[in-house]
Protein backbone atom coordinates (compact mmCIF):
# COMPACT_ATOMS: atom_id res chain seq x y z
CA MET A 1 -0.30 -0.24 0.14
CA SER A 2 1.20 2.68 -1.04
CA LEU A 3 1.65 6.32 1.46
CA SER A 4 0.37 9.78 0.17
CA PRO A 5 3.40 11.87 0.27
CA ALA A 6 3.63 14.20 3.32
CA PRO A 7 2.70 18.50 3.17
CA SER A 8 5.13 20.56 2.98
CA PRO A 9 6.03 22.70 5.33
CA ALA A 10 4.66 25.74 3.18
CA ALA A 11 1.73 24.24 2.83
CA LEU A 12 1.27 23.46 7.16
CA ILE A 13 2.10 27.11 7.31
CA GLN A 14 -0.63 28.05 4.52
CA ARG A 15 -3.33 25.76 6.65
CA ARG A 16 -2.83 27.57 10.08
CA LEU A 17 -2.49 31.00 8.52
CA LEU A 18 -6.29 30.28 6.80
CA LEU A 19 -7.33 28.38 9.92
CA VAL A 20 -7.04 31.86 11.96
CA CYS A 21 -7.87 33.99 9.20
CA VAL A 22 -10.50 33.03 8.66
CA LEU A 23 -11.92 32.23 12.62
CA VAL A 24 -10.25 35.22 13.57
CA GLY A 25 -12.51 37.12 10.20
CA VAL A 26 -16.01 35.44 11.02
CA ILE A 27 -15.46 36.57 14.76
CA VAL A 28 -14.39 40.26 13.52
CA LEU A 29 -17.32 40.06 11.38
CA PHE A 30 -19.79 39.72 13.49
CA ILE A 31 -19.18 41.31 15.93
CA GLY A 32 -19.02 44.72 13.87
CA THR A 33 -22.46 43.56 12.48
CA GLN A 34 -23.99 43.28 15.32
CA ARG A 35 -22.74 46.43 16.30
CA LEU A 36 -23.59 47.81 13.24
CA LEU A 37 -26.71 46.55 13.65
CA LEU A 38 -27.54 47.67 17.11
CA GLN A 39 -26.93 51.21 16.85
CA VAL A 40 -28.99 51.67 13.12
CA ARG A 41 -31.73 50.03 15.53
CA GLN A 42 -31.22 52.72 17.50
CA VAL A 43 -32.39 55.20 15.57
CA GLU A 44 -34.76 53.64 13.15
CA GLY A 45 -38.18 54.69 14.58
CA PHE A 46 -36.66 57.98 14.24
CA ARG A 47 -39.37 61.00 12.62
CA PRO A 48 -38.69 64.29 11.05
CA VAL A 49 -40.34 67.25 12.62
CA PRO A 50 -39.72 71.39 12.08
CA ALA A 51 -37.89 73.26 14.91
CA GLU A 52 -36.29 76.60 15.60
CA VAL A 53 -33.07 77.02 16.98
CA VAL A 54 -32.79 78.92 19.95
CA ASP A 55 -29.32 78.91 21.30
CA ARG A 56 -25.98 77.29 20.46
CA GLY A 57 -23.17 76.79 22.67
CA VAL A 58 -20.17 74.64 23.90
CA ARG A 59 -19.59 72.97 26.99
CA ALA A 60 -16.45 71.69 28.86
CA ALA A 61 -17.27 68.23 29.49
CA GLU A 62 -13.30 67.34 30.88
CA ALA A 63 -9.75 67.37 30.10
CA GLU A 64 -9.46 69.69 27.17
CA ARG A 65 -13.12 67.51 25.93
CA PHE A 66 -15.51 70.01 24.88
CA LEU A 67 -19.65 69.26 24.02
CA PRO A 68 -21.64 70.91 21.34
CA PHE A 69 -24.66 71.89 22.29
CA VAL A 70 -28.12 73.50 20.03
CA ALA A 71 -31.11 73.53 21.61
CA PHE A 72 -34.14 74.16 20.06
CA ARG A 73 -37.94 74.34 20.12
CA PHE A 74 -40.70 72.46 18.07
CA SER A 75 -44.30 71.46 19.04
CA LEU A 76 -45.94 67.90 19.31
CA GLY A 77 -49.44 69.03 18.52
CA THR A 78 -50.70 71.12 21.75
CA ASP A 79 -46.96 70.57 23.43
CA VAL A 80 -43.89 72.36 22.57
CA LEU A 81 -40.99 70.64 23.88
CA ARG A 82 -37.12 72.02 24.27
CA THR A 83 -34.19 70.52 23.79
CA ASP A 84 -29.75 71.01 23.35
CA GLN A 85 -28.74 67.36 21.93
CA LEU A 86 -27.00 68.41 18.61
CA PHE A 87 -25.82 64.72 17.64
CA SER A 88 -27.57 61.23 18.40
CA ARG A 89 -24.95 59.70 20.17
CA ARG A 90 -23.32 62.48 22.66
CA VAL A 91 -19.31 61.98 22.19
CA THR A 92 -16.93 65.05 23.78
CA MET A 93 -14.70 66.27 21.42
CA SER A 94 -11.87 69.49 20.49
CA GLN A 95 -12.74 72.41 21.54
CA GLU A 96 -12.06 73.26 17.76
CA ALA A 97 -14.18 70.58 16.77
CA ALA A 98 -17.23 71.49 18.34
CA GLU A 99 -17.38 75.18 17.54
CA ARG A 100 -17.09 73.46 13.80
CA ALA A 101 -19.66 70.93 15.12
CA ILE A 102 -22.20 74.32 15.78
CA ALA A 103 -21.63 76.88 13.40
CA PRO A 104 -23.79 76.18 10.89
CA TYR A 105 -26.59 77.12 13.41
CA ALA A 106 -28.43 80.01 14.04
CA VAL A 107 -30.42 81.36 16.82
CA GLY A 108 -34.05 81.44 14.73
CA GLN A 109 -33.08 79.77 11.83
CA SER A 110 -35.44 76.86 11.09
CA VAL A 111 -34.25 73.15 11.33
CA THR A 112 -35.19 70.10 11.04
CA ALA A 113 -34.68 67.79 13.98
CA TYR A 114 -35.71 64.09 14.75
CA TYR A 115 -37.42 62.93 17.23
CA ASN A 116 -38.88 59.62 18.58
CA PRO A 117 -42.41 59.14 19.55
CA GLU A 118 -41.77 57.30 22.06
CA ALA A 119 -38.97 59.45 23.71
CA PRO A 120 -39.39 62.87 22.68
CA GLU A 121 -36.26 64.24 24.97
CA ARG A 122 -34.19 61.81 22.56
CA THR A 123 -34.73 64.40 19.73
CA PHE A 124 -31.90 65.65 18.06
CA LEU A 125 -30.68 67.33 14.78
CA ARG A 126 -27.88 64.93 13.50
CA LEU A 127 -27.17 61.71 12.67
CA ASN A 128 -23.73 60.78 13.77
CA LEU A 129 -22.71 56.73 13.53
CA ALA A 130 -19.96 55.53 15.31
CA PHE A 131 -17.42 54.50 12.65
CA GLY A 132 -15.96 51.38 15.44
CA PRO A 133 -18.60 48.94 13.90
CA TYR A 134 -17.74 48.97 10.08
CA VAL A 135 -14.03 49.55 10.54
CA PHE A 136 -14.60 46.15 12.46
CA SER A 137 -16.50 45.06 9.57
CA LEU A 138 -14.23 45.82 7.33
CA MET A 139 -10.82 44.40 9.22
CA GLY A 140 -13.36 41.41 9.13
CA VAL A 141 -13.95 41.10 5.23
CA ALA A 142 -10.04 41.38 4.55
CA MET A 143 -9.40 38.68 6.60
CA LEU A 144 -12.09 36.23 5.24
CA ALA A 145 -10.59 37.22 1.80
CA THR A 146 -7.03 36.39 2.91
CA GLY A 147 -8.61 33.17 4.01
CA LEU A 148 -9.94 32.18 0.52
CA ALA A 149 -7.18 33.23 -0.78
CA LEU A 150 -4.64 30.86 1.86
CA SER A 151 -7.36 28.05 1.20
CA ARG A 152 -6.32 28.30 -2.72
CA TRP A 153 -2.92 29.48 -2.80
CA GLN A 154 -1.12 26.13 -2.91
CA GLY A 155 -3.83 24.34 -4.92
CA ARG A 156 -5.46 21.26 -4.63
CA HIS A 157 -2.40 19.10 -3.42
CA GLY A 158 -0.64 20.92 -1.02
CA LEU A 159 1.94 19.04 -1.35
CA ARG A 160 6.04 18.80 -2.00
CA ILE A 161 4.67 20.01 -5.70
CA GLU A 162 4.55 23.91 -6.24
CA PRO A 163 1.51 24.50 -8.13
CA ALA A 164 1.03 26.63 -11.02
CA PRO A 165 1.57 30.42 -11.47
CA ARG A 166 -1.89 30.45 -12.32
CA THR A 167 -3.11 28.19 -9.20
CA ARG A 168 -1.92 31.04 -7.68
CA ALA A 169 -2.96 34.22 -9.83
CA ILE A 170 -6.68 33.01 -9.50
CA ALA A 171 -6.01 33.07 -5.30
CA ALA A 172 -4.61 36.30 -5.52
CA LEU A 173 -7.03 37.81 -8.02
CA ALA A 174 -10.67 36.45 -5.53
CA CYS A 175 -8.48 37.63 -2.52
CA ALA A 176 -8.60 41.28 -4.52
CA VAL A 177 -12.69 40.99 -6.21
CA ILE A 178 -13.95 40.05 -2.54
CA TRP A 179 -12.35 43.23 -0.57
CA GLN A 180 -13.15 45.45 -2.70
CA LEU A 181 -16.80 44.29 -3.05
CA GLY A 182 -17.31 43.39 0.98
CA GLY A 183 -15.60 46.62 1.51
CA ALA A 184 -17.36 48.62 -0.85
CA MET A 185 -21.29 46.89 1.09
CA VAL A 186 -19.61 48.19 4.35
CA TRP A 187 -18.52 51.92 3.09
CA GLY A 188 -22.31 52.41 1.06
CA HIS A 189 -24.04 51.28 4.48
CA TYR A 190 -22.00 54.13 6.12
CA LEU A 191 -21.95 57.06 4.00
CA HIS A 192 -25.96 56.22 3.03
CA ARG A 193 -26.45 56.02 6.21
CA GLN A 194 -23.84 58.45 7.63
CA PRO A 195 -24.23 62.38 6.18
CA PRO A 196 -21.65 64.45 5.87
CA PRO A 197 -19.01 66.13 6.82
CA TYR A 198 -17.54 62.49 8.16
CA PRO A 199 -15.11 62.20 10.56
CA SER A 200 -11.32 62.52 9.49
CA THR A 201 -10.49 59.02 10.71
CA VAL A 202 -12.69 57.97 7.61
CA TRP A 203 -10.47 59.67 5.11
CA LEU A 204 -8.05 57.90 7.01
CA VAL A 205 -8.87 54.42 6.88
CA LEU A 206 -10.49 54.83 3.86
CA PRO A 207 -7.46 55.15 1.53
CA LEU A 208 -5.55 52.35 3.95
CA TYR A 209 -8.40 50.02 2.89
CA VAL A 210 -8.82 50.78 -0.55
CA LEU A 211 -4.61 50.38 -0.96
CA GLY A 212 -4.77 47.04 0.86
CA GLY A 213 -7.19 45.26 -1.55
CA LEU A 214 -4.87 46.34 -4.33
CA VAL A 215 -1.79 44.46 -2.97
CA PRO A 216 -3.19 40.98 -3.58
CA LEU A 217 -4.60 42.26 -7.33
CA ILE A 218 -0.94 43.31 -7.60
CA VAL A 219 0.22 39.78 -6.17
CA ALA A 220 -1.99 38.14 -8.89
CA LEU A 221 -1.09 40.39 -12.03
CA HIS A 222 2.08 39.13 -11.57
CA PHE A 223 2.14 35.43 -10.90
CA ALA A 224 -1.14 35.98 -14.57
CA ARG A 225 2.27 37.36 -16.19
CA LEU A 226 4.53 34.52 -14.40
CA GLN A 227 1.74 32.18 -16.25
CA ARG A 228 1.41 33.85 -19.86
CA ALA A 229 6.15 33.32 -20.10
CA ARG A 230 5.07 29.75 -19.10
CA ASN A 231 2.61 29.25 -21.70
CA GLN A 232 4.90 30.65 -24.12
CA ALA A 233 7.80 28.68 -23.53
CA ALA A 234 5.82 25.94 -24.06
CA ARG A 235 4.88 26.96 -27.24
CA ALA A 236 8.40 27.76 -28.62
């Protein structure tokens, strides 16, 4: 009875990396998706209502951190309510950022507020989704895309036989496609839900994520050229 050849050390390392990427990717993507859906559900059911700005300013919250506020009043039936919550989430920021946040509003200005019929005191003027859950989701997509590429990197055998460049080109291309398409879905959800202006973190993470997705594409093009050169040599 013949024994099957043992997998190469590179194949063993690749399998371990595959397990790590898939396991971590699933966990991180699950956490990000759950947090994303939770914060979206927290602002579902809010209805637009005309309001009037009556005051605005910046409050000191903690050491070198400030809380912008815009007080406004609105009518619900015969009741006139007043609140000062600018964002859907109360977050502190630098004084400069807080001043920029209240700059578009002036006393007496007519605005559209969003109120919760079950808790009118939670009315706010601007949606402010946390960006962290989206970062988690992007990391999960990237890890799963990498895991998929690793699952095909050594070909079907994963032995001491070097796979054809075509195999690795396809694996890297699949990684690049899933990386960018999955990221586009996450980015699209954020940009559709969150009105501008966007935090500076977005303009840092977006190019880094796109550039990261170009790495497997470059690898795919490299192995595609190797396969083309091999085919030309075989025909010569």
